[in-house]
Amino acid sequence: MSLEARIRELAERHKRLDAAIAAELKHPAGDEVRIHELKRKKLRIKDEITQLQTGPA
C-alpha cells in the first residue's frame, strides 16, 4: 500500500469516527465511556496521519 493510500484510508476512518462521536453525542443518555474511547481512537489516527505526512523524526 502506498503512503498516500494509507493516509487516505486513515483519513476516512477518522471521518467515520467523527460521525460516530457526533451520533453518540446526539443521544440524551450518550455513553461517556464509548465517546471517550472513540475520541482516543480518533486522536491515535490523527497522530498516525501526522507522523506519515511529516516523515520520521
Protein backbone atom coordinates (compact mmCIF):
# COMPACT_ATOMS: atom_id res chain seq x y z
CA MET A 1 0.00 0.00 0.00
CA SER A 2 1.39 3.38 -0.94
CA LEU A 3 1.87 6.12 1.62
CA GLU A 4 -0.86 8.23 0.01
CA ALA A 5 -3.31 5.33 0.07
CA ARG A 6 -2.57 4.68 3.75
CA ILE A 7 -3.13 8.34 4.59
CA ARG A 8 -6.44 8.34 2.65
CA GLU A 9 -7.55 5.19 4.47
CA LEU A 10 -6.71 6.70 7.84
CA ALA A 11 -8.46 9.96 6.93
CA GLU A 12 -11.61 8.01 6.03
CA ARG A 13 -11.50 6.12 9.35
CA HIS A 14 -11.01 9.48 11.12
CA LYS A 15 -14.17 10.85 9.42
CA ARG A 16 -16.19 7.75 10.35
CA LEU A 17 -15.11 8.08 13.98
CA ASP A 18 -16.07 11.76 13.93
CA ALA A 19 -19.54 10.80 12.66
CA ALA A 20 -19.87 8.08 15.31
CA ILE A 21 -18.93 10.56 18.06
CA ALA A 22 -21.46 13.10 16.75
CA ALA A 23 -24.17 10.44 16.63
CA GLU A 24 -23.39 9.31 20.17
CA LEU A 25 -23.48 12.90 21.45
CA LYS A 26 -26.98 13.39 19.98
CA HIS A 27 -28.42 10.78 22.32
CA PRO A 28 -29.62 12.26 25.60
CA ALA A 29 -28.07 9.37 27.51
CA GLY A 30 -24.88 9.11 25.46
CA ASP A 31 -22.38 6.55 26.69
CA GLU A 32 -19.49 8.64 28.03
CA VAL A 33 -17.12 5.67 28.09
CA ARG A 34 -17.85 4.90 24.44
CA ILE A 35 -17.44 8.56 23.47
CA HIS A 36 -14.10 8.71 25.28
CA GLU A 37 -12.88 5.54 23.54
CA LEU A 38 -13.96 6.84 20.12
CA LYS A 39 -12.14 10.12 20.76
CA ARG A 40 -8.97 8.25 21.76
CA LYS A 41 -9.10 6.18 18.57
CA LYS A 42 -9.65 9.33 16.53
CA LEU A 43 -6.65 11.00 18.16
CA ARG A 44 -4.42 7.96 17.52
CA ILE A 45 -5.40 8.03 13.86
CA LYS A 46 -4.72 11.77 13.65
CA ASP A 47 -1.29 11.23 15.22
CA GLU A 48 -0.51 8.46 12.74
CA ILE A 49 -1.58 10.64 9.79
CA THR A 50 0.62 13.48 11.05
CA GLN A 51 3.57 11.14 11.51
CA LEU A 52 3.17 9.74 8.00
CA GLN A 53 2.90 13.22 6.48
CA THR A 54 5.95 14.60 8.27
CA GLY A 55 8.14 11.55 7.92
CA PRO A 56 10.49 10.06 10.51
CA ALA A 57 11.59 12.31 13.32
